[in-house]
Amino acid sequence: MYILGGLIFLLLDGINECFTWKTPLWKQGLIGTLIIYILEFNTGCIVNLLLGWNVWNYTQPFNLLGQICPQMFPLWFILSLTGIILADYVRWKLLGEDKPKYKLF
């Protein structure tokens, strides 16, 4: 799970490398949420279904093979926004890149 979390953080950091500061923050959060869902599903299929580790199981309604579910969307959206902003501020403070400037809408 630590590897998955680290990979997600690196990909969230890359969002502003692919898009300009003019991209609204909510769109960046949506892209981050999709990244989380895709990686969580793929990782779940490998570690839970294929290897049988049973790391997680979303047995809630509308789940997809027990690996992801739409009920987690608000949490993943908030988490992706947090990761994007944190990564941008780390780059600004530690690497001397431009100070983050966000457009909300």
PDB file of N, CA and C in Angstrom:
ATOM      1  N   MET A   1       0.822  -1.193   0.000  1.00  0.00           N
ATOM      2  CA  MET A   1       0.000   0.000   0.000  1.00  0.00           C
ATOM      3  C   MET A   1       0.865   1.255   0.000  1.00  0.00           C
ATOM      4  N   TYR A   2       2.029   1.181   0.656  1.00  0.00           N
ATOM      5  CA  TYR A   2       2.922   2.344   0.660  1.00  0.00           C
ATOM      6  C   TYR A   2       3.423   2.635  -0.746  1.00  0.00           C
ATOM      7  N   ILE A   3       3.689   1.598  -1.488  1.00  0.00           N
ATOM      8  CA  ILE A   3       4.145   1.767  -2.867  1.00  0.00           C
ATOM      9  C   ILE A   3       3.045   2.412  -3.706  1.00  0.00           C
ATOM     10  N   LEU A   4       1.819   1.945  -3.545  1.00  0.00           N
ATOM     11  CA  LEU A   4       0.690   2.519  -4.275  1.00  0.00           C
ATOM     12  C   LEU A   4       0.510   3.983  -3.894  1.00  0.00           C
ATOM     13  N   GLY A   5       0.568   4.297  -2.613  1.00  0.00           N
ATOM     14  CA  GLY A   5       0.427   5.684  -2.161  1.00  0.00           C
ATOM     15  C   GLY A   5       1.519   6.574  -2.721  1.00  0.00           C
ATOM     16  N   GLY A   6       2.747   6.091  -2.730  1.00  0.00           N
ATOM     17  CA  GLY A   6       3.855   6.868  -3.283  1.00  0.00           C
ATOM     18  C   GLY A   6       3.702   7.094  -4.774  1.00  0.00           C
ATOM     19  N   LEU A   7       3.281   6.075  -5.493  1.00  0.00           N
ATOM     20  CA  LEU A   7       3.071   6.200  -6.932  1.00  0.00           C
ATOM     21  C   LEU A   7       1.961   7.209  -7.224  1.00  0.00           C
ATOM     22  N   ILE A   8       0.883   7.142  -6.461  1.00  0.00           N
ATOM     23  CA  ILE A   8      -0.215   8.092  -6.641  1.00  0.00           C
ATOM     24  C   ILE A   8       0.278   9.510  -6.384  1.00  0.00           C
ATOM     25  N   PHE A   9       1.058   9.717  -5.320  1.00  0.00           N
ATOM     26  CA  PHE A   9       1.574  11.055  -5.011  1.00  0.00           C
ATOM     27  C   PHE A   9       2.444  11.573  -6.151  1.00  0.00           C
ATOM     28  N   LEU A  10       3.299  10.729  -6.714  1.00  0.00           N
ATOM     29  CA  LEU A  10       4.145  11.152  -7.830  1.00  0.00           C
ATOM     30  C   LEU A  10       3.305  11.536  -9.049  1.00  0.00           C
ATOM     31  N   LEU A  11       2.254  10.779  -9.303  1.00  0.00           N
ATOM     32  CA  LEU A  11       1.390  11.099 -10.440  1.00  0.00           C
ATOM     33  C   LEU A  11       0.576  12.363 -10.181  1.00  0.00           C
ATOM     34  N   LEU A  12       0.137  12.570  -8.940  1.00  0.00           N
ATOM     35  CA  LEU A  12      -0.565  13.810  -8.608  1.00  0.00           C
ATOM     36  C   LEU A  12       0.368  15.004  -8.793  1.00  0.00           C
ATOM     37  N   ASP A  13       1.623  14.820  -8.420  1.00  0.00           N
ATOM     38  CA  ASP A  13       2.622  15.875  -8.607  1.00  0.00           C
ATOM     39  C   ASP A  13       2.790  16.194 -10.084  1.00  0.00           C
ATOM     40  N   GLY A  14       2.662  15.214 -10.925  1.00  0.00           N
ATOM     41  CA  GLY A  14       2.838  15.415 -12.358  1.00  0.00           C
ATOM     42  C   GLY A  14       1.689  16.118 -13.046  1.00  0.00           C
ATOM     43  N   ILE A  15       0.557  16.277 -12.372  1.00  0.00           N
ATOM     44  CA  ILE A  15      -0.596  16.919 -13.006  1.00  0.00           C
ATOM     45  C   ILE A  15      -0.245  18.336 -13.453  1.00  0.00           C
ATOM     46  N   ASN A  16       0.421  19.113 -12.600  1.00  0.00           N
ATOM     47  CA  ASN A  16       0.769  20.477 -12.994  1.00  0.00           C
ATOM     48  C   ASN A  16       1.934  20.524 -13.967  1.00  0.00           C
ATOM     49  N   GLU A  17       2.607  19.407 -14.160  1.00  0.00           N
ATOM     50  CA  GLU A  17       3.632  19.352 -15.197  1.00  0.00           C
ATOM     51  C   GLU A  17       2.979  19.166 -16.565  1.00  0.00           C
ATOM     52  N   CYS A  18       1.806  18.563 -16.587  1.00  0.00           N
ATOM     53  CA  CYS A  18       1.096  18.308 -17.840  1.00  0.00           C
ATOM     54  C   CYS A  18       0.099  19.410 -18.186  1.00  0.00           C
ATOM     55  N   PHE A  19      -0.390  20.112 -17.183  1.00  0.00           N
ATOM     56  CA  PHE A  19      -1.399  21.144 -17.390  1.00  0.00           C
ATOM     57  C   PHE A  19      -0.878  22.478 -16.864  1.00  0.00           C
ATOM     58  N   THR A  20      -1.427  23.566 -17.375  1.00  0.00           N
ATOM     59  CA  THR A  20      -0.986  24.886 -16.936  1.00  0.00           C
ATOM     60  C   THR A  20      -1.688  25.272 -15.637  1.00  0.00           C
ATOM     61  N   TRP A  21      -1.206  26.379 -15.052  1.00  0.00           N
ATOM     62  CA  TRP A  21      -1.846  26.895 -13.836  1.00  0.00           C
ATOM     63  C   TRP A  21      -3.260  27.382 -14.113  1.00  0.00           C
ATOM     64  N   LYS A  22      -3.590  27.558 -15.378  1.00  0.00           N
ATOM     65  CA  LYS A  22      -4.932  28.015 -15.737  1.00  0.00           C
ATOM     66  C   LYS A  22      -5.969  26.898 -15.628  1.00  0.00           C
ATOM     67  N   THR A  23      -5.507  25.664 -15.507  1.00  0.00           N
ATOM     68  CA  THR A  23      -6.442  24.545 -15.339  1.00  0.00           C
ATOM     69  C   THR A  23      -7.089  24.667 -13.970  1.00  0.00           C
ATOM     70  N   PRO A  24      -8.426  24.783 -13.920  1.00  0.00           N
ATOM     71  CA  PRO A  24      -9.094  24.938 -12.622  1.00  0.00           C
ATOM     72  C   PRO A  24      -8.739  23.802 -11.657  1.00  0.00           C
ATOM     73  N   LEU A  25      -8.652  24.162 -10.387  1.00  0.00           N
ATOM     74  CA  LEU A  25      -8.264  23.203  -9.359  1.00  0.00           C
ATOM     75  C   LEU A  25      -9.232  22.032  -9.291  1.00  0.00           C
ATOM     76  N   TRP A  26     -10.521  22.264  -9.527  1.00  0.00           N
ATOM     77  CA  TRP A  26     -11.485  21.164  -9.460  1.00  0.00           C
ATOM     78  C   TRP A  26     -11.221  20.145 -10.576  1.00  0.00           C
ATOM     79  N   LYS A  27     -10.759  20.628 -11.748  1.00  0.00           N
ATOM     80  CA  LYS A  27     -10.437  19.696 -12.836  1.00  0.00           C
ATOM     81  C   LYS A  27      -9.187  18.880 -12.491  1.00  0.00           C
ATOM     82  N   GLN A  28      -8.210  19.549 -11.870  1.00  0.00           N
ATOM     83  CA  GLN A  28      -7.016  18.828 -11.437  1.00  0.00           C
ATOM     84  C   GLN A  28      -7.403  17.759 -10.415  1.00  0.00           C
ATOM     85  N   GLY A  29      -8.311  18.111  -9.492  1.00  0.00           N
ATOM     86  CA  GLY A  29      -8.779  17.151  -8.493  1.00  0.00           C
ATOM     87  C   GLY A  29      -9.511  15.981  -9.127  1.00  0.00           C
ATOM     88  N   LEU A  30     -10.282  16.263 -10.157  1.00  0.00           N
ATOM     89  CA  LEU A  30     -11.001  15.190 -10.854  1.00  0.00           C
ATOM     90  C   LEU A  30     -10.030  14.253 -11.564  1.00  0.00           C
ATOM     91  N   ILE A  31      -9.016  14.824 -12.198  1.00  0.00           N
ATOM     92  CA  ILE A  31      -7.985  14.006 -12.842  1.00  0.00           C
ATOM     93  C   ILE A  31      -7.268  13.155 -11.796  1.00  0.00           C
ATOM     94  N   GLY A  32      -6.940  13.763 -10.661  1.00  0.00           N
ATOM     95  CA  GLY A  32      -6.296  13.023  -9.577  1.00  0.00           C
ATOM     96  C   GLY A  32      -7.162  11.899  -9.054  1.00  0.00           C
ATOM     97  N   THR A  33      -8.451  12.153  -8.946  1.00  0.00           N
ATOM     98  CA  THR A  33      -9.382  11.125  -8.479  1.00  0.00           C
ATOM     99  C   THR A  33      -9.429   9.955  -9.455  1.00  0.00           C
ATOM    100  N   LEU A  34      -9.436  10.255 -10.737  1.00  0.00           N
ATOM    101  CA  LEU A  34      -9.418   9.185 -11.745  1.00  0.00           C
ATOM    102  C   LEU A  34      -8.123   8.381 -11.663  1.00  0.00           C
ATOM    103  N   ILE A  35      -7.009   9.063 -11.430  1.00  0.00           N
ATOM    104  CA  ILE A  35      -5.730   8.365 -11.258  1.00  0.00           C
ATOM    105  C   ILE A  35      -5.812   7.399 -10.080  1.00  0.00           C
ATOM    106  N   ILE A  36      -6.369   7.884  -8.964  1.00  0.00           N
ATOM    107  CA  ILE A  36      -6.498   7.043  -7.773  1.00  0.00           C
ATOM    108  C   ILE A  36      -7.374   5.827  -8.065  1.00  0.00           C
ATOM    109  N   TYR A  37      -8.532   6.058  -8.697  1.00  0.00           N
ATOM    110  CA  TYR A  37      -9.432   4.940  -9.001  1.00  0.00           C
ATOM    111  C   TYR A  37      -8.766   3.910  -9.914  1.00  0.00           C
ATOM    112  N   ILE A  38      -8.089   4.365 -10.940  1.00  0.00           N
ATOM    113  CA  ILE A  38      -7.458   3.439 -11.895  1.00  0.00           C
ATOM    114  C   ILE A  38      -6.372   2.613 -11.202  1.00  0.00           C
ATOM    115  N   LEU A  39      -5.510   3.284 -10.440  1.00  0.00           N
ATOM    116  CA  LEU A  39      -4.428   2.551  -9.770  1.00  0.00           C
ATOM    117  C   LEU A  39      -4.960   1.648  -8.662  1.00  0.00           C
ATOM    118  N   GLU A  40      -5.981   2.116  -7.945  1.00  0.00           N
ATOM    119  CA  GLU A  40      -6.548   1.290  -6.882  1.00  0.00           C
ATOM    120  C   GLU A  40      -7.207   0.036  -7.467  1.00  0.00           C
ATOM    121  N   PHE A  41      -7.910   0.198  -8.569  1.00  0.00           N
ATOM    122  CA  PHE A  41      -8.550  -0.956  -9.191  1.00  0.00           C
ATOM    123  C   PHE A  41      -7.511  -1.957  -9.688  1.00  0.00           C
ATOM    124  N   ASN A  42      -6.515  -1.464 -10.409  1.00  0.00           N
ATOM    125  CA  ASN A  42      -5.484  -2.366 -10.943  1.00  0.00           C
ATOM    126  C   ASN A  42      -4.701  -3.058  -9.829  1.00  0.00           C
ATOM    127  N   THR A  43      -4.335  -2.299  -8.810  1.00  0.00           N
ATOM    128  CA  THR A  43      -3.612  -2.890  -7.682  1.00  0.00           C
ATOM    129  C   THR A  43      -4.491  -3.904  -6.953  1.00  0.00           C
ATOM    130  N   GLY A  44      -5.762  -3.559  -6.744  1.00  0.00           N
ATOM    131  CA  GLY A  44      -6.682  -4.474  -6.081  1.00  0.00           C
ATOM    132  C   GLY A  44      -6.859  -5.768  -6.839  1.00  0.00           C
ATOM    133  N   CYS A  45      -6.951  -5.672  -8.163  1.00  0.00           N
ATOM    134  CA  CYS A  45      -7.098  -6.891  -8.964  1.00  0.00           C
ATOM    135  C   CYS A  45      -5.873  -7.796  -8.809  1.00  0.00           C
ATOM    136  N   ILE A  46      -4.703  -7.190  -8.690  1.00  0.00           N
ATOM    137  CA  ILE A  46      -3.484  -7.991  -8.548  1.00  0.00           C
ATOM    138  C   ILE A  46      -3.358  -8.543  -7.133  1.00  0.00           C
ATOM    139  N   VAL A  47      -3.360  -7.658  -6.124  1.00  0.00           N
ATOM    140  CA  VAL A  47      -3.050  -8.125  -4.766  1.00  0.00           C
ATOM    141  C   VAL A  47      -4.224  -8.818  -4.081  1.00  0.00           C
ATOM    142  N   ASN A  48      -5.441  -8.437  -4.430  1.00  0.00           N
ATOM    143  CA  ASN A  48      -6.597  -9.052  -3.761  1.00  0.00           C
ATOM    144  C   ASN A  48      -7.162 -10.247  -4.524  1.00  0.00           C
ATOM    145  N   LEU A  49      -7.395 -10.050  -5.816  1.00  0.00           N
ATOM    146  CA  LEU A  49      -8.032 -11.121  -6.581  1.00  0.00           C
ATOM    147  C   LEU A  49      -7.036 -12.168  -7.067  1.00  0.00           C
ATOM    148  N   LEU A  50      -5.906 -11.714  -7.571  1.00  0.00           N
ATOM    149  CA  LEU A  50      -4.932 -12.653  -8.123  1.00  0.00           C
ATOM    150  C   LEU A  50      -4.088 -13.322  -7.030  1.00  0.00           C
ATOM    151  N   LEU A  51      -3.553 -12.507  -6.125  1.00  0.00           N
ATOM    152  CA  LEU A  51      -2.675 -13.049  -5.077  1.00  0.00           C
ATOM    153  C   LEU A  51      -3.433 -13.461  -3.812  1.00  0.00           C
ATOM    154  N   GLY A  52      -4.681 -13.019  -3.676  1.00  0.00           N
ATOM    155  CA  GLY A  52      -5.500 -13.401  -2.529  1.00  0.00           C
ATOM    156  C   GLY A  52      -5.089 -12.781  -1.206  1.00  0.00           C
ATOM    157  N   TRP A  53      -4.445 -11.614  -1.224  1.00  0.00           N
ATOM    158  CA  TRP A  53      -3.992 -10.981   0.017  1.00  0.00           C
ATOM    159  C   TRP A  53      -5.129 -10.334   0.803  1.00  0.00           C
ATOM    160  N   ASN A  54      -6.243 -10.022   0.147  1.00  0.00           N
ATOM    161  CA  ASN A  54      -7.410  -9.403   0.800  1.00  0.00           C
ATOM    162  C   ASN A  54      -7.042  -8.141   1.582  1.00  0.00           C
ATOM    163  N   VAL A  55      -6.323  -7.244   0.917  1.00  0.00           N
ATOM    164  CA  VAL A  55      -5.923  -5.984   1.541  1.00  0.00           C
ATOM    165  C   VAL A  55      -7.140  -5.101   1.774  1.00  0.00           C
ATOM    166  N   TRP A  56      -8.076  -5.051   0.824  1.00  0.00           N
ATOM    167  CA  TRP A  56      -9.325  -4.321   0.997  1.00  0.00           C
ATOM    168  C   TRP A  56     -10.403  -5.008   0.182  1.00  0.00           C
ATOM    169  N   ASN A  57     -11.647  -4.670   0.529  1.00  0.00           N
ATOM    170  CA  ASN A  57     -12.791  -5.211  -0.192  1.00  0.00           C
ATOM    171  C   ASN A  57     -13.962  -4.259   0.007  1.00  0.00           C
ATOM    172  N   TYR A  58     -14.318  -3.557  -1.042  1.00  0.00           N
ATOM    173  CA  TYR A  58     -15.464  -2.651  -0.981  1.00  0.00           C
ATOM    174  C   TYR A  58     -16.722  -3.442  -1.311  1.00  0.00           C
ATOM    175  N   THR A  59     -17.403  -3.906  -0.287  1.00  0.00           N
ATOM    176  CA  THR A  59     -18.619  -4.688  -0.506  1.00  0.00           C
ATOM    177  C   THR A  59     -19.855  -3.808  -0.483  1.00  0.00           C
ATOM    178  N   GLN A  60     -19.673  -2.539  -0.745  1.00  0.00           N
ATOM    179  CA  GLN A  60     -20.783  -1.597  -0.784  1.00  0.00           C
ATOM    180  C   GLN A  60     -21.497  -1.706  -2.128  1.00  0.00           C
ATOM    181  N   PRO A  61     -22.708  -1.155  -2.215  1.00  0.00           N
ATOM    182  CA  PRO A  61     -23.435  -1.205  -3.488  1.00  0.00           C
ATOM    183  C   PRO A  61     -22.642  -0.527  -4.614  1.00  0.00           C
ATOM    184  N   PHE A  62     -22.809  -1.035  -5.810  1.00  0.00           N
ATOM    185  CA  PHE A  62     -22.213  -0.501  -7.038  1.00  0.00           C
ATOM    186  C   PHE A  62     -20.694  -0.646  -7.091  1.00  0.00           C
ATOM    187  N   ASN A  63     -20.144  -1.557  -6.306  1.00  0.00           N
ATOM    188  CA  ASN A  63     -18.690  -1.768  -6.361  1.00  0.00           C
ATOM    189  C   ASN A  63     -18.328  -2.475  -7.659  1.00  0.00           C
ATOM    190  N   LEU A  64     -17.067  -2.367  -8.034  1.00  0.00           N
ATOM    191  CA  LEU A  64     -16.564  -3.045  -9.214  1.00  0.00           C
ATOM    192  C   LEU A  64     -15.584  -4.115  -8.759  1.00  0.00           C
ATOM    193  N   LEU A  65     -16.025  -5.358  -8.785  1.00  0.00           N
ATOM    194  CA  LEU A  65     -15.244  -6.518  -8.352  1.00  0.00           C
ATOM    195  C   LEU A  65     -14.753  -6.390  -6.911  1.00  0.00           C
ATOM    196  N   GLY A  66     -15.404  -5.561  -6.117  1.00  0.00           N
ATOM    197  CA  GLY A  66     -15.013  -5.372  -4.725  1.00  0.00           C
ATOM    198  C   GLY A  66     -13.750  -4.546  -4.546  1.00  0.00           C
ATOM    199  N   GLN A  67     -13.244  -3.947  -5.624  1.00  0.00           N
ATOM    200  CA  GLN A  67     -11.967  -3.238  -5.552  1.00  0.00           C
ATOM    201  C   GLN A  67     -12.121  -1.720  -5.517  1.00  0.00           C
ATOM    202  N   ILE A  68     -13.159  -1.176  -6.133  1.00  0.00           N
ATOM    203  CA  ILE A  68     -13.449   0.256  -6.076  1.00  0.00           C
ATOM    204  C   ILE A  68     -14.956   0.430  -5.975  1.00  0.00           C
ATOM    205  N   CYS A  69     -15.368   1.587  -5.470  1.00  0.00           N
ATOM    206  CA  CYS A  69     -16.793   1.885  -5.390  1.00  0.00           C
ATOM    207  C   CYS A  69     -16.988   3.404  -5.474  1.00  0.00           C
ATOM    208  N   PRO A  70     -18.129   3.837  -6.003  1.00  0.00           N
ATOM    209  CA  PRO A  70     -18.370   5.268  -6.169  1.00  0.00           C
ATOM    210  C   PRO A  70     -18.504   6.028  -4.845  1.00  0.00           C
ATOM    211  N   GLN A  71     -18.821   5.333  -3.765  1.00  0.00           N
ATOM    212  CA  GLN A  71     -18.973   6.006  -2.470  1.00  0.00           C
ATOM    213  C   GLN A  71     -17.677   6.632  -1.980  1.00  0.00           C
ATOM    214  N   MET A  72     -16.554   6.185  -2.497  1.00  0.00           N
ATOM    215  CA  MET A  72     -15.254   6.717  -2.077  1.00  0.00           C
ATOM    216  C   MET A  72     -14.869   7.982  -2.837  1.00  0.00           C
ATOM    217  N   PHE A  73     -15.673   8.370  -3.830  1.00  0.00           N
ATOM    218  CA  PHE A  73     -15.319   9.527  -4.655  1.00  0.00           C
ATOM    219  C   PHE A  73     -15.024  10.788  -3.842  1.00  0.00           C
ATOM    220  N   PRO A  74     -15.882  11.194  -2.891  1.00  0.00           N
ATOM    221  CA  PRO A  74     -15.569  12.426  -2.142  1.00  0.00           C
ATOM    222  C   PRO A  74     -14.229  12.351  -1.413  1.00  0.00           C
ATOM    223  N   LEU A  75     -13.927  11.223  -0.813  1.00  0.00           N
ATOM    224  CA  LEU A  75     -12.660  11.066  -0.096  1.00  0.00           C
ATOM    225  C   LEU A  75     -11.483  11.134  -1.061  1.00  0.00           C
ATOM    226  N   TRP A  76     -11.559  10.434  -2.189  1.00  0.00           N
ATOM    227  CA  TRP A  76     -10.455  10.444  -3.147  1.00  0.00           C
ATOM    228  C   TRP A  76     -10.285  11.819  -3.775  1.00  0.00           C
ATOM    229  N   PHE A  77     -11.390  12.544  -3.977  1.00  0.00           N
ATOM    230  CA  PHE A  77     -11.301  13.896  -4.538  1.00  0.00           C
ATOM    231  C   PHE A  77     -10.569  14.821  -3.572  1.00  0.00           C
ATOM    232  N   ILE A  78     -10.941  14.777  -2.308  1.00  0.00           N
ATOM    233  CA  ILE A  78     -10.268  15.602  -1.294  1.00  0.00           C
ATOM    234  C   ILE A  78      -8.804  15.191  -1.153  1.00  0.00           C
ATOM    235  N   LEU A  79      -8.552  13.902  -1.152  1.00  0.00           N
ATOM    236  CA  LEU A  79      -7.180  13.412  -1.049  1.00  0.00           C
ATOM    237  C   LEU A  79      -6.340  13.844  -2.249  1.00  0.00           C
ATOM    238  N   SER A  80      -6.916  13.801  -3.439  1.00  0.00           N
ATOM    239  CA  SER A  80      -6.155  14.208  -4.619  1.00  0.00           C
ATOM    240  C   SER A  80      -5.860  15.702  -4.595  1.00  0.00           C
ATOM    241  N   LEU A  81      -6.821  16.517  -4.186  1.00  0.00           N
ATOM    242  CA  LEU A  81      -6.561  17.959  -4.069  1.00  0.00           C
ATOM    243  C   LEU A  81      -5.457  18.224  -3.051  1.00  0.00           C
ATOM    244  N   THR A  82      -5.507  17.529  -1.937  1.00  0.00           N
ATOM    245  CA  THR A  82      -4.478  17.678  -0.901  1.00  0.00           C
ATOM    246  C   THR A  82      -3.106  17.293  -1.438  1.00  0.00           C
ATOM    247  N   GLY A  83      -3.036  16.184  -2.155  1.00  0.00           N
ATOM    248  CA  GLY A  83      -1.772  15.727  -2.723  1.00  0.00           C
ATOM    249  C   GLY A  83      -1.230  16.686  -3.772  1.00  0.00           C
ATOM    250  N   ILE A  84      -2.099  17.203  -4.618  1.00  0.00           N
ATOM    251  CA  ILE A  84      -1.684  18.150  -5.654  1.00  0.00           C
ATOM    252  C   ILE A  84      -1.121  19.413  -5.027  1.00  0.00           C
ATOM    253  N   ILE A  85      -1.852  19.975  -4.076  1.00  0.00           N
ATOM    254  CA  ILE A  85      -1.411  21.214  -3.429  1.00  0.00           C
ATOM    255  C   ILE A  85      -0.134  20.987  -2.632  1.00  0.00           C
ATOM    256  N   LEU A  86      -0.067  19.888  -1.896  1.00  0.00           N
ATOM    257  CA  LEU A  86       1.135  19.581  -1.120  1.00  0.00           C
ATOM    258  C   LEU A  86       2.354  19.431  -2.037  1.00  0.00           C
ATOM    259  N   ALA A  87       2.206  18.694  -3.123  1.00  0.00           N
ATOM    260  CA  ALA A  87       3.315  18.502  -4.057  1.00  0.00           C
ATOM    261  C   ALA A  87       3.761  19.827  -4.665  1.00  0.00           C
ATOM    262  N   ASP A  88       2.811  20.691  -4.997  1.00  0.00           N
ATOM    263  CA  ASP A  88       3.161  21.992  -5.576  1.00  0.00           C
ATOM    264  C   ASP A  88       3.929  22.859  -4.586  1.00  0.00           C
ATOM    265  N   TYR A  89       3.502  22.833  -3.325  1.00  0.00           N
ATOM    266  CA  TYR A  89       4.192  23.646  -2.319  1.00  0.00           C
ATOM    267  C   TYR A  89       5.561  23.068  -1.969  1.00  0.00           C
ATOM    268  N   VAL A  90       5.702  21.767  -2.001  1.00  0.00           N
ATOM    269  CA  VAL A  90       7.017  21.155  -1.787  1.00  0.00           C
ATOM    270  C   VAL A  90       7.963  21.568  -2.912  1.00  0.00           C
ATOM    271  N   ARG A  91       7.472  21.531  -4.149  1.00  0.00           N
ATOM    272  CA  ARG A  91       8.304  21.944  -5.278  1.00  0.00           C
ATOM    273  C   ARG A  91       8.695  23.420  -5.157  1.00  0.00           C
ATOM    274  N   TRP A  92       7.786  24.247  -4.694  1.00  0.00           N
ATOM    275  CA  TRP A  92       8.055  25.677  -4.545  1.00  0.00           C
ATOM    276  C   TRP A  92       9.098  25.918  -3.453  1.00  0.00           C
ATOM    277  N   LYS A  93       8.890  25.317  -2.283  1.00  0.00           N
ATOM    278  CA  LYS A  93       9.774  25.565  -1.138  1.00  0.00           C
ATOM    279  C   LYS A  93      11.131  24.877  -1.260  1.00  0.00           C
ATOM    280  N   LEU A  94      11.137  23.629  -1.717  1.00  0.00           N
ATOM    281  CA  LEU A  94      12.389  22.869  -1.738  1.00  0.00           C
ATOM    282  C   LEU A  94      13.157  22.953  -3.052  1.00  0.00           C
ATOM    283  N   LEU A  95      12.435  23.114  -4.160  1.00  0.00           N
ATOM    284  CA  LEU A  95      13.093  23.096  -5.455  1.00  0.00           C
ATOM    285  C   LEU A  95      13.143  24.470  -6.121  1.00  0.00           C
ATOM    286  N   GLY A  96      12.551  25.461  -5.466  1.00  0.00           N
ATOM    287  CA  GLY A  96      12.605  26.821  -5.991  1.00  0.00           C
ATOM    288  C   GLY A  96      11.771  27.058  -7.234  1.00  0.00           C
ATOM    289  N   GLU A  97      10.781  26.230  -7.460  1.00  0.00           N
ATOM    290  CA  GLU A  97       9.909  26.443  -8.615  1.00  0.00           C
ATOM    291  C   GLU A  97       8.943  27.582  -8.330  1.00  0.00           C
ATOM    292  N   ASP A  98       8.135  27.939  -9.327  1.00  0.00           N
ATOM    293  CA  ASP A  98       7.182  29.027  -9.159  1.00  0.00           C
ATOM    294  C   ASP A  98       6.214  28.743  -8.017  1.00  0.00           C
ATOM    295  N   LYS A  99       5.842  29.825  -7.318  1.00  0.00           N
ATOM    296  CA  LYS A  99       4.863  29.679  -6.244  1.00  0.00           C
ATOM    297  C   LYS A  99       3.532  29.241  -6.859  1.00  0.00           C
ATOM    298  N   PRO A 100       2.880  28.264  -6.252  1.00  0.00           N
ATOM    299  CA  PRO A 100       1.602  27.787  -6.788  1.00  0.00           C
ATOM    300  C   PRO A 100       0.554  28.907  -6.837  1.00  0.00           C
ATOM    301  N   LYS A 101      -0.171  28.966  -7.923  1.00  0.00           N
ATOM    302  CA  LYS A 101      -1.263  29.915  -8.080  1.00  0.00           C
ATOM    303  C   LYS A 101      -2.418  29.167  -8.746  1.00  0.00           C
ATOM    304  N   TYR A 102      -3.482  29.042  -8.026  1.00  0.00           N
ATOM    305  CA  TYR A 102      -4.577  28.194  -8.484  1.00  0.00           C
ATOM    306  C   TYR A 102      -5.750  29.005  -8.978  1.00  0.00           C
ATOM    307  N   LYS A 103      -6.417  28.444  -9.942  1.00  0.00           N
ATOM    308  CA  LYS A 103      -7.661  28.970 -10.456  1.00  0.00           C
ATOM    309  C   LYS A 103      -8.736  27.985  -9.993  1.00  0.00           C
ATOM    310  N   LEU A 104      -9.724  28.459  -9.260  1.00  0.00           N
ATOM    311  CA  LEU A 104     -10.733  27.537  -8.729  1.00  0.00           C
ATOM    312  C   LEU A 104     -11.744  27.105  -9.779  1.00  0.00           C
ATOM    313  N   PHE A 105     -12.139  28.006 -10.647  1.00  0.00           N
ATOM    314  CA  PHE A 105     -13.156  27.674 -11.650  1.00  0.00           C
ATOM    315  C   PHE A 105     -12.748  28.153 -13.030  1.00  0.00           C
TER     316      PHE A 105
END
